[in-house]
Amino acid sequence: MELFFASEIDAGTVRLDGEEARHCIKVLRHREGDPVDCIDGAGTLLHCTLIDADPREAVLRIDSAEEGWGALPYRLTLGVCPTKNTDRFEWAVEKATEFGVESIVPLIGERSERRVFKADRARRVALAATKQSLKALLPSIPEPVPVRDFLAGEIHLTQRSASYGAVGAHGVSGEPISPHLTRQSASESPALPVGVSGEFHEAGALPGGNCPDGDQPAIDALHGGNCPAGDQPATDALPGGNCTAGDDREGRLRLIACCFDGAAWQRVPMSAALESAPGATDITVLIGPEGDFSPEEVEAARSAGYIPVHLGSSRLRTETAAVAAAAFVYYHFL
């Protein structure tokens, strides 16, 4: 099935931008009168007829529409610290999109190796993966935001009991609003984000000394809850009470993957956290950088209602952990 992204929808017609139009007309050789299927990026499949085969800006007439096409029974936000090698992060974007994700938020952690990130290429990767995996919902990839600002936005929204809507992401300064609540208009081209800069703590040794190969340099260190589980509490005794009625009643579940236990809490398997909140369909999972989240970041996450989790006994890279988290949620809802 061939799918094209509708860059502009107006008065019953669809316009394809230069790249999409060229592929439709020049590569696939569609001609006027041909049926063409498009996605609007917001979850709708548009069945169209090509009426102007211009390779610079093709125009199509909308014949019918299917809302919620390819939709999944949950909403997943992945907050992932971009890797030092951007190709690895883009690979994670591609694979997570194939599993199904509503938003991928680039996070800047205290131990992040990469602190400036341009999301335009990642957005193009996400678009290609959305079409390839037969979905109509294009994941949003907002500008990068510090971990603490993201978490402050979560607390802010929880306190206000805010509904999901068009909320801006202020990033480093201003009132912090959780950026994964912002969706791009299907008719807007992604803007080039401004990189995040500023003072952050330097990457240091991994906290707690609980991960294997603790003396490895930061780039090879464990992250995202990817070290062996060790002694775990019973699956129904989740830390902090964060996976019980409060989040589940609202259909929300917040998880942070880290590779160490704290003095007041222990990580639980991600599968156990998902099973403990069967009514949760709005899920956020945070994945740290190569040097992991700092203890202070995890404590801030717990204050925002996040449950510390691990992804099993294998040591995974950041990008692998992000894809594994998306897969955990995907298979949980099968």
C-alpha atoms as a PDB file:
ATOM      1  CA  MET A   1       0.000   0.000   0.000  1.00  0.00           C
ATOM      2  CA  GLU A   2       1.429   3.378  -1.047  1.00  0.00           C
ATOM      3  CA  LEU A   3       0.925   6.237   1.384  1.00  0.00           C
ATOM      4  CA  PHE A   4       1.712   9.929   1.039  1.00  0.00           C
ATOM      5  CA  PHE A   5       1.782  12.654   3.645  1.00  0.00           C
ATOM      6  CA  ALA A   6      -0.755  15.407   3.081  1.00  0.00           C
ATOM      7  CA  SER A   7       1.179  18.579   3.764  1.00  0.00           C
ATOM      8  CA  GLU A   8      -1.855  20.810   3.155  1.00  0.00           C
ATOM      9  CA  ILE A   9      -5.576  19.999   3.334  1.00  0.00           C
ATOM     10  CA  ASP A  10      -8.114  22.588   2.282  1.00  0.00           C
ATOM     11  CA  ALA A  11     -11.674  22.574   0.919  1.00  0.00           C
ATOM     12  CA  GLY A  12     -11.764  18.897   0.074  1.00  0.00           C
ATOM     13  CA  THR A  13      -8.376  18.815  -1.617  1.00  0.00           C
ATOM     14  CA  VAL A  14      -4.928  17.667  -0.619  1.00  0.00           C
ATOM     15  CA  ARG A  15      -1.620  19.128  -1.722  1.00  0.00           C
ATOM     16  CA  LEU A  16       1.606  17.165  -1.643  1.00  0.00           C
ATOM     17  CA  ASP A  17       4.810  19.118  -1.097  1.00  0.00           C
ATOM     18  CA  GLY A  18       7.813  18.867  -3.402  1.00  0.00           C
ATOM     19  CA  GLU A  19       9.364  15.672  -2.043  1.00  0.00           C
ATOM     20  CA  GLU A  20       6.066  13.794  -1.712  1.00  0.00           C
ATOM     21  CA  ALA A  21       4.815  15.084  -5.066  1.00  0.00           C
ATOM     22  CA  ARG A  22       8.019  14.119  -6.847  1.00  0.00           C
ATOM     23  CA  HIS A  23       7.843  10.604  -5.413  1.00  0.00           C
ATOM     24  CA  CYS A  24       4.192  10.273  -6.403  1.00  0.00           C
ATOM     25  CA  ILE A  25       4.553  11.631  -9.950  1.00  0.00           C
ATOM     26  CA  LYS A  26       8.139  11.032 -11.002  1.00  0.00           C
ATOM     27  CA  VAL A  27       9.030   7.831  -9.156  1.00  0.00           C
ATOM     28  CA  LEU A  28       5.713   5.969  -8.979  1.00  0.00           C
ATOM     29  CA  ARG A  29       4.406   7.598 -12.196  1.00  0.00           C
ATOM     30  CA  HIS A  30       0.908   8.337 -10.997  1.00  0.00           C
ATOM     31  CA  ARG A  31      -1.264  10.222 -13.471  1.00  0.00           C
ATOM     32  CA  GLU A  32      -4.402  12.309 -13.213  1.00  0.00           C
ATOM     33  CA  GLY A  33      -7.365  10.140 -12.308  1.00  0.00           C
ATOM     34  CA  ASP A  34      -5.304   7.624 -10.323  1.00  0.00           C
ATOM     35  CA  PRO A  35      -6.469   6.718  -6.806  1.00  0.00           C
ATOM     36  CA  VAL A  36      -3.944   7.828  -4.185  1.00  0.00           C
ATOM     37  CA  ASP A  37      -4.034   7.292  -0.413  1.00  0.00           C
ATOM     38  CA  CYS A  38      -2.720   9.957   1.966  1.00  0.00           C
ATOM     39  CA  ILE A  39      -2.342  10.353   5.707  1.00  0.00           C
ATOM     40  CA  ASP A  40      -2.880  13.637   7.492  1.00  0.00           C
ATOM     41  CA  GLY A  41      -0.450  12.881  10.349  1.00  0.00           C
ATOM     42  CA  ALA A  42      -3.236  13.253  12.926  1.00  0.00           C
ATOM     43  CA  GLY A  43      -4.703   9.769  12.534  1.00  0.00           C
ATOM     44  CA  THR A  44      -6.848   9.960   9.393  1.00  0.00           C
ATOM     45  CA  LEU A  45      -6.402   8.055   6.140  1.00  0.00           C
ATOM     46  CA  LEU A  46      -7.615   9.971   3.089  1.00  0.00           C
ATOM     47  CA  HIS A  47      -8.705   8.147  -0.047  1.00  0.00           C
ATOM     48  CA  CYS A  48      -8.077  10.569  -2.898  1.00  0.00           C
ATOM     49  CA  THR A  49      -8.011  10.981  -6.660  1.00  0.00           C
ATOM     50  CA  LEU A  50      -5.108  12.754  -8.332  1.00  0.00           C
ATOM     51  CA  ILE A  51      -6.382  15.811 -10.221  1.00  0.00           C
ATOM     52  CA  ASP A  52      -3.151  17.711 -10.918  1.00  0.00           C
ATOM     53  CA  ALA A  53      -0.041  15.620 -11.579  1.00  0.00           C
ATOM     54  CA  ASP A  54       2.447  18.407 -10.961  1.00  0.00           C
ATOM     55  CA  PRO A  55       5.718  16.953  -9.592  1.00  0.00           C
ATOM     56  CA  ARG A  56       6.356  20.223  -7.734  1.00  0.00           C
ATOM     57  CA  GLU A  57       3.001  20.279  -5.914  1.00  0.00           C
ATOM     58  CA  ALA A  58       0.510  17.562  -6.736  1.00  0.00           C
ATOM     59  CA  VAL A  59      -3.174  18.199  -5.990  1.00  0.00           C
ATOM     60  CA  LEU A  60      -5.660  15.478  -5.038  1.00  0.00           C
ATOM     61  CA  ARG A  61      -9.397  15.431  -4.423  1.00  0.00           C
ATOM     62  CA  ILE A  62     -10.542  13.789  -1.179  1.00  0.00           C
ATOM     63  CA  ASP A  63     -13.118  11.085  -1.883  1.00  0.00           C
ATOM     64  CA  SER A  64     -13.455   9.585   1.607  1.00  0.00           C
ATOM     65  CA  ALA A  65     -11.701   9.465   4.964  1.00  0.00           C
ATOM     66  CA  GLU A  66     -11.044   6.880   7.685  1.00  0.00           C
ATOM     67  CA  GLU A  67     -10.421   8.384  11.109  1.00  0.00           C
ATOM     68  CA  GLY A  68      -8.282   6.466  13.580  1.00  0.00           C
ATOM     69  CA  TRP A  69      -6.726   4.397  10.812  1.00  0.00           C
ATOM     70  CA  GLY A  70      -3.999   2.137  12.213  1.00  0.00           C
ATOM     71  CA  ALA A  71      -4.673   3.464  15.709  1.00  0.00           C
ATOM     72  CA  LEU A  72      -3.478   1.583  18.778  1.00  0.00           C
ATOM     73  CA  PRO A  73      -5.437   1.224  22.063  1.00  0.00           C
ATOM     74  CA  TYR A  74      -2.928   3.367  23.960  1.00  0.00           C
ATOM     75  CA  ARG A  75      -0.956   6.588  23.787  1.00  0.00           C
ATOM     76  CA  LEU A  76       2.772   6.213  24.335  1.00  0.00           C
ATOM     77  CA  THR A  77       5.257   9.010  24.926  1.00  0.00           C
ATOM     78  CA  LEU A  78       8.939   8.139  24.949  1.00  0.00           C
ATOM     79  CA  GLY A  79      11.256  10.652  26.583  1.00  0.00           C
ATOM     80  CA  VAL A  80      14.707   9.682  25.330  1.00  0.00           C
ATOM     81  CA  CYS A  81      18.061  11.361  25.780  1.00  0.00           C
ATOM     82  CA  PRO A  82      19.670  11.677  22.326  1.00  0.00           C
ATOM     83  CA  THR A  83      22.757   9.543  21.910  1.00  0.00           C
ATOM     84  CA  LYS A  84      26.205  10.880  21.129  1.00  0.00           C
ATOM     85  CA  ASN A  85      25.871   9.242  17.708  1.00  0.00           C
ATOM     86  CA  THR A  86      22.741  10.771  16.174  1.00  0.00           C
ATOM     87  CA  ASP A  87      22.330   7.861  13.755  1.00  0.00           C
ATOM     88  CA  ARG A  88      21.585   5.601  16.713  1.00  0.00           C
ATOM     89  CA  PHE A  89      18.883   7.943  17.985  1.00  0.00           C
ATOM     90  CA  GLU A  90      17.316   8.135  14.533  1.00  0.00           C
ATOM     91  CA  TRP A  91      17.329   4.330  14.376  1.00  0.00           C
ATOM     92  CA  ALA A  92      15.417   4.290  17.673  1.00  0.00           C
ATOM     93  CA  VAL A  93      12.936   6.815  16.283  1.00  0.00           C
ATOM     94  CA  GLU A  94      12.326   4.610  13.257  1.00  0.00           C
ATOM     95  CA  LYS A  95      11.792   1.395  15.215  1.00  0.00           C
ATOM     96  CA  ALA A  96       9.721   2.965  17.994  1.00  0.00           C
ATOM     97  CA  THR A  97       7.478   4.539  15.345  1.00  0.00           C
ATOM     98  CA  GLU A  98       6.952   1.135  13.765  1.00  0.00           C
ATOM     99  CA  PHE A  99       5.762  -0.261  17.105  1.00  0.00           C
ATOM    100  CA  GLY A 100       3.554   2.757  17.689  1.00  0.00           C
ATOM    101  CA  VAL A 101       4.300   5.914  19.643  1.00  0.00           C
ATOM    102  CA  GLU A 102       2.519   9.248  19.841  1.00  0.00           C
ATOM    103  CA  SER A 103       5.481  11.391  20.799  1.00  0.00           C
ATOM    104  CA  ILE A 104       9.243  11.055  21.103  1.00  0.00           C
ATOM    105  CA  VAL A 105      10.647  13.791  23.312  1.00  0.00           C
ATOM    106  CA  PRO A 106      14.399  14.433  23.148  1.00  0.00           C
ATOM    107  CA  LEU A 107      15.554  14.973  26.732  1.00  0.00           C
ATOM    108  CA  ILE A 108      18.753  16.612  27.925  1.00  0.00           C
ATOM    109  CA  GLY A 109      19.941  14.949  31.130  1.00  0.00           C
ATOM    110  CA  GLU A 110      22.609  15.971  33.586  1.00  0.00           C
ATOM    111  CA  ARG A 111      24.876  13.270  32.166  1.00  0.00           C
ATOM    112  CA  SER A 112      23.958  13.629  28.512  1.00  0.00           C
ATOM    113  CA  GLU A 113      26.854  13.380  26.094  1.00  0.00           C
ATOM    114  CA  ARG A 114      24.824  15.230  23.476  1.00  0.00           C
ATOM    115  CA  ARG A 115      23.295  18.502  24.621  1.00  0.00           C
ATOM    116  CA  VAL A 116      22.358  20.045  21.299  1.00  0.00           C
ATOM    117  CA  PHE A 117      19.989  18.159  19.032  1.00  0.00           C
ATOM    118  CA  LYS A 118      18.389  19.072  15.713  1.00  0.00           C
ATOM    119  CA  ALA A 119      15.196  17.126  15.228  1.00  0.00           C
ATOM    120  CA  ASP A 120      14.470  17.795  11.556  1.00  0.00           C
ATOM    121  CA  ARG A 121      16.125  14.591  10.331  1.00  0.00           C
ATOM    122  CA  ALA A 122      14.481  12.545  13.078  1.00  0.00           C
ATOM    123  CA  ARG A 123      11.097  13.898  11.977  1.00  0.00           C
ATOM    124  CA  ARG A 124      11.743  12.775   8.417  1.00  0.00           C
ATOM    125  CA  VAL A 125      12.706   9.331   9.708  1.00  0.00           C
ATOM    126  CA  ALA A 126       9.495   9.188  11.739  1.00  0.00           C
ATOM    127  CA  LEU A 127       7.406  10.142   8.698  1.00  0.00           C
ATOM    128  CA  ALA A 128       8.929   7.394   6.562  1.00  0.00           C
ATOM    129  CA  ALA A 129       8.424   4.840   9.358  1.00  0.00           C
ATOM    130  CA  THR A 130       4.821   5.956   9.887  1.00  0.00           C
ATOM    131  CA  LYS A 131       3.978   5.313   6.243  1.00  0.00           C
ATOM    132  CA  GLN A 132       5.943   2.068   6.122  1.00  0.00           C
ATOM    133  CA  SER A 133       4.193   0.659   9.202  1.00  0.00           C
ATOM    134  CA  LEU A 134       0.724   1.646   7.907  1.00  0.00           C
ATOM    135  CA  LYS A 135      -0.228   4.263  10.449  1.00  0.00           C
ATOM    136  CA  ALA A 136      -1.927   7.616  10.013  1.00  0.00           C
ATOM    137  CA  LEU A 137      -0.679   9.173  13.254  1.00  0.00           C
ATOM    138  CA  LEU A 138       2.703  10.836  12.815  1.00  0.00           C
ATOM    139  CA  PRO A 139       4.675  10.969  16.091  1.00  0.00           C
ATOM    140  CA  SER A 140       5.516  14.456  17.245  1.00  0.00           C
ATOM    141  CA  ILE A 141       9.179  15.155  17.947  1.00  0.00           C
ATOM    142  CA  PRO A 142       9.367  18.499  19.753  1.00  0.00           C
ATOM    143  CA  GLU A 143      12.393  20.570  20.557  1.00  0.00           C
ATOM    144  CA  PRO A 144      14.755  19.088  23.149  1.00  0.00           C
ATOM    145  CA  VAL A 145      14.041  19.924  26.750  1.00  0.00           C
ATOM    146  CA  PRO A 146      15.986  19.347  29.994  1.00  0.00           C
ATOM    147  CA  VAL A 147      14.783  16.392  32.037  1.00  0.00           C
ATOM    148  CA  ARG A 148      13.925  18.590  35.002  1.00  0.00           C
ATOM    149  CA  ASP A 149      11.827  20.960  32.881  1.00  0.00           C
ATOM    150  CA  PHE A 150       9.935  18.009  31.419  1.00  0.00           C
ATOM    151  CA  LEU A 151       9.243  16.633  34.896  1.00  0.00           C
ATOM    152  CA  ALA A 152       8.285  20.077  36.223  1.00  0.00           C
ATOM    153  CA  GLY A 153       5.747  20.255  33.430  1.00  0.00           C
ATOM    154  CA  GLU A 154       4.328  16.893  34.494  1.00  0.00           C
ATOM    155  CA  ILE A 155       3.905  18.102  38.077  1.00  0.00           C
ATOM    156  CA  HIS A 156       2.412  21.388  36.880  1.00  0.00           C
ATOM    157  CA  LEU A 157      -0.168  19.632  34.739  1.00  0.00           C
ATOM    158  CA  THR A 158      -1.010  17.105  37.431  1.00  0.00           C
ATOM    159  CA  GLN A 159      -1.606  19.836  39.988  1.00  0.00           C
ATOM    160  CA  ARG A 160      -3.872  21.724  37.615  1.00  0.00           C
ATOM    161  CA  SER A 161      -5.572  18.509  36.405  1.00  0.00           C
ATOM    162  CA  ALA A 162      -5.092  19.929  32.943  1.00  0.00           C
ATOM    163  CA  SER A 163      -6.713  18.270  29.967  1.00  0.00           C
ATOM    164  CA  TYR A 164      -4.680  17.384  26.889  1.00  0.00           C
ATOM    165  CA  GLY A 165      -4.646  20.148  24.337  1.00  0.00           C
ATOM    166  CA  ALA A 166      -2.487  22.608  22.465  1.00  0.00           C
ATOM    167  CA  VAL A 167       0.099  23.318  25.120  1.00  0.00           C
ATOM    168  CA  GLY A 168       3.389  24.971  24.284  1.00  0.00           C
ATOM    169  CA  ALA A 169       6.799  23.716  25.357  1.00  0.00           C
ATOM    170  CA  HIS A 170       8.939  26.484  26.765  1.00  0.00           C
ATOM    171  CA  GLY A 171      12.102  24.416  27.074  1.00  0.00           C
ATOM    172  CA  VAL A 172      14.901  25.858  29.151  1.00  0.00           C
ATOM    173  CA  SER A 173      13.233  29.035  30.326  1.00  0.00           C
ATOM    174  CA  GLY A 174       9.724  30.196  31.068  1.00  0.00           C
ATOM    175  CA  GLU A 175       6.955  28.253  32.707  1.00  0.00           C
ATOM    176  CA  PRO A 176       7.791  24.593  32.015  1.00  0.00           C
ATOM    177  CA  ILE A 177       5.059  22.783  30.149  1.00  0.00           C
ATOM    178  CA  SER A 178       5.436  19.118  29.295  1.00  0.00           C
ATOM    179  CA  PRO A 179       6.385  19.125  25.588  1.00  0.00           C
ATOM    180  CA  HIS A 180       4.893  15.766  24.694  1.00  0.00           C
ATOM    181  CA  LEU A 181       1.430  17.319  24.919  1.00  0.00           C
ATOM    182  CA  THR A 182       2.170  19.440  21.864  1.00  0.00           C
ATOM    183  CA  ARG A 183       1.306  18.061  18.441  1.00  0.00           C
ATOM    184  CA  GLN A 184       2.333  19.599  15.165  1.00  0.00           C
ATOM    185  CA  SER A 185      -0.396  20.543  12.747  1.00  0.00           C
ATOM    186  CA  ALA A 186      -0.450  18.163   9.810  1.00  0.00           C
ATOM    187  CA  SER A 187      -0.315  21.146   7.499  1.00  0.00           C
ATOM    188  CA  GLU A 188       2.797  22.646   9.079  1.00  0.00           C
ATOM    189  CA  SER A 189       6.312  21.778   8.062  1.00  0.00           C
ATOM    190  CA  PRO A 190       8.474  20.871  11.057  1.00  0.00           C
ATOM    191  CA  ALA A 191      10.506  23.821  12.199  1.00  0.00           C
ATOM    192  CA  LEU A 192      14.180  23.421  12.929  1.00  0.00           C
ATOM    193  CA  PRO A 193      14.459  23.298  16.715  1.00  0.00           C
ATOM    194  CA  VAL A 194      16.806  25.443  18.690  1.00  0.00           C
ATOM    195  CA  GLY A 195      19.398  23.363  20.470  1.00  0.00           C
ATOM    196  CA  VAL A 196      19.399  23.295  24.242  1.00  0.00           C
ATOM    197  CA  SER A 197      22.460  24.717  25.904  1.00  0.00           C
ATOM    198  CA  GLY A 198      23.342  25.828  29.376  1.00  0.00           C
ATOM    199  CA  GLU A 199      25.033  24.634  32.502  1.00  0.00           C
ATOM    200  CA  PHE A 200      24.618  20.985  33.395  1.00  0.00           C
ATOM    201  CA  HIS A 201      26.491  18.739  35.763  1.00  0.00           C
ATOM    202  CA  GLU A 202      29.354  16.885  34.163  1.00  0.00           C
ATOM    203  CA  ALA A 203      28.934  13.174  33.597  1.00  0.00           C
ATOM    204  CA  GLY A 204      30.418  11.177  36.395  1.00  0.00           C
ATOM    205  CA  ALA A 205      30.479   7.667  37.747  1.00  0.00           C
ATOM    206  CA  LEU A 206      27.312   5.683  37.646  1.00  0.00           C
ATOM    207  CA  PRO A 207      25.274   6.035  40.820  1.00  0.00           C
ATOM    208  CA  GLY A 208      25.006   3.410  43.451  1.00  0.00           C
ATOM    209  CA  GLY A 209      27.613   1.070  42.031  1.00  0.00           C
ATOM    210  CA  ASN A 210      24.860  -1.442  41.297  1.00  0.00           C
ATOM    211  CA  CYS A 211      25.486  -1.879  37.588  1.00  0.00           C
ATOM    212  CA  PRO A 212      28.004  -4.363  36.207  1.00  0.00           C
ATOM    213  CA  ASP A 213      31.152  -2.975  34.653  1.00  0.00           C
ATOM    214  CA  GLY A 214      30.853   0.005  36.935  1.00  0.00           C
ATOM    215  CA  ASP A 215      34.284   1.250  35.943  1.00  0.00           C
ATOM    216  CA  GLN A 216      33.375   1.591  32.256  1.00  0.00           C
ATOM    217  CA  PRO A 217      33.568   5.098  30.791  1.00  0.00           C
ATOM    218  CA  ALA A 218      30.304   7.000  30.515  1.00  0.00           C
ATOM    219  CA  ILE A 219      29.771   6.250  26.819  1.00  0.00           C
ATOM    220  CA  ASP A 220      29.735   2.527  27.539  1.00  0.00           C
ATOM    221  CA  ALA A 221      27.924   2.755  30.852  1.00  0.00           C
ATOM    222  CA  LEU A 222      24.580   1.231  31.546  1.00  0.00           C
ATOM    223  CA  HIS A 223      21.548   3.401  31.153  1.00  0.00           C
ATOM    224  CA  GLY A 224      17.815   3.422  31.132  1.00  0.00           C
ATOM    225  CA  GLY A 225      17.332   0.608  33.605  1.00  0.00           C
ATOM    226  CA  ASN A 226      19.241  -1.859  31.477  1.00  0.00           C
ATOM    227  CA  CYS A 227      21.385  -3.523  34.097  1.00  0.00           C
ATOM    228  CA  PRO A 228      20.474  -6.836  35.746  1.00  0.00           C
ATOM    229  CA  ALA A 229      17.525  -6.661  38.048  1.00  0.00           C
ATOM    230  CA  GLY A 230      19.072  -8.076  41.165  1.00  0.00           C
ATOM    231  CA  ASP A 231      16.706  -8.782  44.032  1.00  0.00           C
ATOM    232  CA  GLN A 232      13.364  -7.340  43.103  1.00  0.00           C
ATOM    233  CA  PRO A 233      10.348  -6.862  45.340  1.00  0.00           C
ATOM    234  CA  ALA A 234       7.136  -8.669  44.665  1.00  0.00           C
ATOM    235  CA  THR A 235       5.458  -7.427  41.510  1.00  0.00           C
ATOM    236  CA  ASP A 236       2.452  -6.185  43.423  1.00  0.00           C
ATOM    237  CA  ALA A 237       4.591  -4.085  45.755  1.00  0.00           C
ATOM    238  CA  LEU A 238       5.488  -1.272  43.391  1.00  0.00           C
ATOM    239  CA  PRO A 239       7.577   1.571  44.803  1.00  0.00           C
ATOM    240  CA  GLY A 240       6.029   4.675  46.176  1.00  0.00           C
ATOM    241  CA  GLY A 241       2.473   3.649  45.472  1.00  0.00           C
ATOM    242  CA  ASN A 242       2.750   5.395  42.112  1.00  0.00           C
ATOM    243  CA  CYS A 243       1.183   2.637  40.073  1.00  0.00           C
ATOM    244  CA  THR A 244      -1.989   2.326  42.056  1.00  0.00           C
ATOM    245  CA  ALA A 245      -5.283   4.135  41.969  1.00  0.00           C
ATOM    246  CA  GLY A 246      -3.993   7.684  41.380  1.00  0.00           C
ATOM    247  CA  ASP A 247      -2.527   7.175  37.923  1.00  0.00           C
ATOM    248  CA  ASP A 248      -4.679   4.207  36.940  1.00  0.00           C
ATOM    249  CA  ARG A 249      -7.931   6.069  37.630  1.00  0.00           C
ATOM    250  CA  GLU A 250      -6.878   8.774  35.214  1.00  0.00           C
ATOM    251  CA  GLY A 251      -5.614   6.223  32.712  1.00  0.00           C
ATOM    252  CA  ARG A 252      -2.050   7.453  33.165  1.00  0.00           C
ATOM    253  CA  LEU A 253       1.124   5.512  33.877  1.00  0.00           C
ATOM    254  CA  ARG A 254       4.544   7.150  34.225  1.00  0.00           C
ATOM    255  CA  LEU A 255       7.743   5.056  34.201  1.00  0.00           C
ATOM    256  CA  ILE A 256      11.422   5.943  34.375  1.00  0.00           C
ATOM    257  CA  ALA A 257      13.997   3.310  33.420  1.00  0.00           C
ATOM    258  CA  CYS A 258      17.210   3.542  35.399  1.00  0.00           C
ATOM    259  CA  CYS A 259      19.989   1.136  36.315  1.00  0.00           C
ATOM    260  CA  PHE A 260      20.142   1.562  40.076  1.00  0.00           C
ATOM    261  CA  ASP A 261      17.975   1.192  43.150  1.00  0.00           C
ATOM    262  CA  GLY A 262      17.542   3.995  45.646  1.00  0.00           C
ATOM    263  CA  ALA A 263      17.558   4.008  49.424  1.00  0.00           C
ATOM    264  CA  ALA A 264      13.761   4.336  49.528  1.00  0.00           C
ATOM    265  CA  TRP A 265      12.780   2.333  46.449  1.00  0.00           C
ATOM    266  CA  GLN A 266      13.687  -0.540  44.180  1.00  0.00           C
ATOM    267  CA  ARG A 267      13.099  -0.834  40.472  1.00  0.00           C
ATOM    268  CA  VAL A 268      10.453  -3.263  39.282  1.00  0.00           C
ATOM    269  CA  PRO A 269      10.186  -5.031  35.924  1.00  0.00           C
ATOM    270  CA  MET A 270       8.491  -2.854  33.343  1.00  0.00           C
ATOM    271  CA  SER A 271       6.111  -5.705  32.589  1.00  0.00           C
ATOM    272  CA  ALA A 272       5.009  -5.758  36.239  1.00  0.00           C
ATOM    273  CA  ALA A 273       4.393  -2.014  36.226  1.00  0.00           C
ATOM    274  CA  LEU A 274       2.211  -2.348  33.126  1.00  0.00           C
ATOM    275  CA  GLU A 275       0.277  -5.279  34.554  1.00  0.00           C
ATOM    276  CA  SER A 276      -0.363  -3.438  37.812  1.00  0.00           C
ATOM    277  CA  ALA A 277      -2.227  -0.654  35.985  1.00  0.00           C
ATOM    278  CA  PRO A 278      -4.577  -2.432  33.565  1.00  0.00           C
ATOM    279  CA  GLY A 279      -6.652   0.695  32.997  1.00  0.00           C
ATOM    280  CA  ALA A 280      -3.717   2.859  31.985  1.00  0.00           C
ATOM    281  CA  THR A 281      -3.711   3.790  28.312  1.00  0.00           C
ATOM    282  CA  ASP A 282      -1.743   7.056  28.524  1.00  0.00           C
ATOM    283  CA  ILE A 283       1.812   5.899  29.140  1.00  0.00           C
ATOM    284  CA  THR A 284       5.112   7.768  29.367  1.00  0.00           C
ATOM    285  CA  VAL A 285       8.498   6.052  29.615  1.00  0.00           C
ATOM    286  CA  LEU A 286      11.753   7.936  30.196  1.00  0.00           C
ATOM    287  CA  ILE A 287      15.075   6.542  28.927  1.00  0.00           C
ATOM    288  CA  GLY A 288      18.348   8.078  30.107  1.00  0.00           C
ATOM    289  CA  PRO A 289      21.603   8.909  28.327  1.00  0.00           C
ATOM    290  CA  GLU A 290      24.717   6.735  28.089  1.00  0.00           C
ATOM    291  CA  GLY A 291      25.645   7.743  31.650  1.00  0.00           C
ATOM    292  CA  ASP A 292      22.129   7.076  33.022  1.00  0.00           C
ATOM    293  CA  PHE A 293      19.900   9.472  34.893  1.00  0.00           C
ATOM    294  CA  SER A 294      21.335  11.049  38.020  1.00  0.00           C
ATOM    295  CA  PRO A 295      19.866  10.056  41.420  1.00  0.00           C
ATOM    296  CA  GLU A 296      18.433  13.559  41.687  1.00  0.00           C
ATOM    297  CA  GLU A 297      16.655  13.190  38.344  1.00  0.00           C
ATOM    298  CA  VAL A 298      15.120   9.883  39.397  1.00  0.00           C
ATOM    299  CA  GLU A 299      13.947  11.411  42.676  1.00  0.00           C
ATOM    300  CA  ALA A 300      12.425  14.313  40.730  1.00  0.00           C
ATOM    301  CA  ALA A 301      10.674  11.780  38.509  1.00  0.00           C
ATOM    302  CA  ARG A 302       9.318   9.925  41.531  1.00  0.00           C
ATOM    303  CA  SER A 303       7.973  13.217  42.864  1.00  0.00           C
ATOM    304  CA  ALA A 304       6.159  13.611  39.527  1.00  0.00           C
ATOM    305  CA  GLY A 305       4.555  10.166  39.914  1.00  0.00           C
ATOM    306  CA  TYR A 306       7.045   8.074  37.968  1.00  0.00           C
ATOM    307  CA  ILE A 307       7.848   4.476  38.889  1.00  0.00           C
ATOM    308  CA  PRO A 308      11.481   3.351  38.557  1.00  0.00           C
ATOM    309  CA  VAL A 309      11.633   0.255  36.347  1.00  0.00           C
ATOM    310  CA  HIS A 310      14.159  -2.001  34.652  1.00  0.00           C
ATOM    311  CA  LEU A 311      14.012  -3.729  31.273  1.00  0.00           C
ATOM    312  CA  GLY A 312      15.560  -7.043  32.226  1.00  0.00           C
ATOM    313  CA  SER A 313      19.005  -8.515  32.812  1.00  0.00           C
ATOM    314  CA  SER A 314      20.631  -7.655  29.463  1.00  0.00           C
ATOM    315  CA  ARG A 315      22.766  -4.588  29.077  1.00  0.00           C
ATOM    316  CA  LEU A 316      21.160  -2.408  26.406  1.00  0.00           C
ATOM    317  CA  ARG A 317      22.245   0.788  24.740  1.00  0.00           C
ATOM    318  CA  THR A 318      20.061   3.870  25.047  1.00  0.00           C
ATOM    319  CA  GLU A 319      18.545   3.426  21.597  1.00  0.00           C
ATOM    320  CA  THR A 320      17.894  -0.283  22.194  1.00  0.00           C
ATOM    321  CA  ALA A 321      16.261   0.476  25.534  1.00  0.00           C
ATOM    322  CA  ALA A 322      13.929   2.983  23.864  1.00  0.00           C
ATOM    323  CA  VAL A 323      12.829   0.410  21.281  1.00  0.00           C
ATOM    324  CA  ALA A 324      12.477  -2.275  23.968  1.00  0.00           C
ATOM    325  CA  ALA A 325      10.216   0.025  25.987  1.00  0.00           C
ATOM    326  CA  ALA A 326       8.015   0.639  22.942  1.00  0.00           C
ATOM    327  CA  ALA A 327       7.883  -3.121  22.348  1.00  0.00           C
ATOM    328  CA  PHE A 328       6.942  -3.814  25.990  1.00  0.00           C
ATOM    329  CA  VAL A 329       3.915  -1.539  25.675  1.00  0.00           C
ATOM    330  CA  TYR A 330       2.981  -2.812  22.206  1.00  0.00           C
ATOM    331  CA  TYR A 331       2.932  -6.460  23.245  1.00  0.00           C
ATOM    332  CA  HIS A 332       1.217  -5.651  26.552  1.00  0.00           C
ATOM    333  CA  PHE A 333      -1.836  -4.479  24.598  1.00  0.00           C
ATOM    334  CA  LEU A 334      -1.956  -7.338  22.085  1.00  0.00           C
END
